[in-house]
Amino acid sequence: MSTSDAAVVQLIAEIQAETLELDNLRKRGASAAELESREHELECLHWRLAATARGAARADLGDAA
């Protein structure tokens, strides 16, 4: 597994953990500000995942050439 592939796997794990935490906060009735902050954090993780996955795909294409 390449470094970029490992980064993708790590980001997926972070997104899963953050999603579970966000669900738990909603169930416990967290404040709107806290939920908004966590949702923003989750959105940032999604963007990081997209960028990292694109980089991994480019690296894989370079290896295939």
Protein backbone atom coordinates (compact mmCIF):
# COMPACT_ATOMS: atom_id res chain seq x y z
CA MET A 1 0.00 0.00 0.00
CA SER A 2 1.42 3.37 -1.01
CA THR A 3 1.62 6.36 1.28
CA SER A 4 -1.21 8.09 -0.61
CA ASP A 5 -3.38 4.96 -0.35
CA ALA A 6 -2.73 4.83 3.38
CA ALA A 7 -3.73 8.50 3.66
CA VAL A 8 -7.02 7.73 1.89
CA VAL A 9 -7.72 4.85 4.28
CA GLN A 10 -6.87 7.05 7.28
CA LEU A 11 -9.20 9.83 6.10
CA ILE A 12 -12.02 7.35 5.59
CA ALA A 13 -11.54 6.12 9.16
CA GLU A 14 -11.60 9.73 10.43
CA ILE A 15 -14.79 10.43 8.48
CA GLN A 16 -16.45 7.33 9.91
CA ALA A 17 -15.47 8.29 13.46
CA GLU A 18 -16.60 11.90 13.00
CA THR A 19 -19.92 10.75 11.51
CA LEU A 20 -20.57 8.50 14.51
CA GLU A 21 -19.68 11.30 16.90
CA LEU A 22 -21.99 13.71 15.06
CA ASP A 23 -24.85 11.20 15.26
CA ASN A 24 -24.22 10.78 19.00
CA LEU A 25 -24.20 14.55 19.52
CA ARG A 26 -27.52 14.85 17.68
CA LYS A 27 -29.05 12.10 19.84
CA ARG A 28 -27.85 13.83 23.01
CA GLY A 29 -29.30 17.14 21.87
CA ALA A 30 -26.07 19.08 21.46
CA SER A 31 -26.23 22.79 20.77
CA ALA A 32 -26.70 24.05 17.24
CA ALA A 33 -23.27 25.70 17.37
CA GLU A 34 -21.54 22.46 18.33
CA LEU A 35 -23.37 20.52 15.62
CA GLU A 36 -22.51 23.16 13.03
CA SER A 37 -18.86 23.03 14.04
CA ARG A 38 -18.75 19.24 13.75
CA GLU A 39 -20.58 19.31 10.42
CA HIS A 40 -18.03 21.80 9.12
CA GLU A 41 -15.21 19.56 10.32
CA LEU A 42 -16.81 16.60 8.55
CA GLU A 43 -17.17 18.61 5.35
CA CYS A 44 -13.48 19.55 5.51
CA LEU A 45 -12.57 15.88 5.91
CA HIS A 46 -14.64 15.06 2.81
CA TRP A 47 -12.77 17.71 0.80
CA ARG A 48 -9.41 16.42 2.08
CA LEU A 49 -10.44 12.89 1.11
CA ALA A 50 -11.38 14.02 -2.40
CA ALA A 51 -8.06 15.80 -2.90
CA THR A 52 -6.06 12.91 -1.45
CA ALA A 53 -7.91 10.33 -3.54
CA ARG A 54 -7.25 12.37 -6.70
CA GLY A 55 -3.57 12.46 -5.84
CA ALA A 56 -3.54 8.72 -5.21
CA ALA A 57 -5.25 8.10 -8.54
CA ARG A 58 -2.71 10.27 -10.37
CA ALA A 59 0.13 8.39 -8.68
CA ASP A 60 -1.41 5.08 -9.69
CA LEU A 61 -1.74 6.28 -13.29
CA GLY A 62 1.89 7.37 -13.25
CA ASP A 63 2.93 3.94 -12.00
CA ALA A 64 0.94 2.27 -14.78
CA ALA A 65 2.68 4.23 -17.54
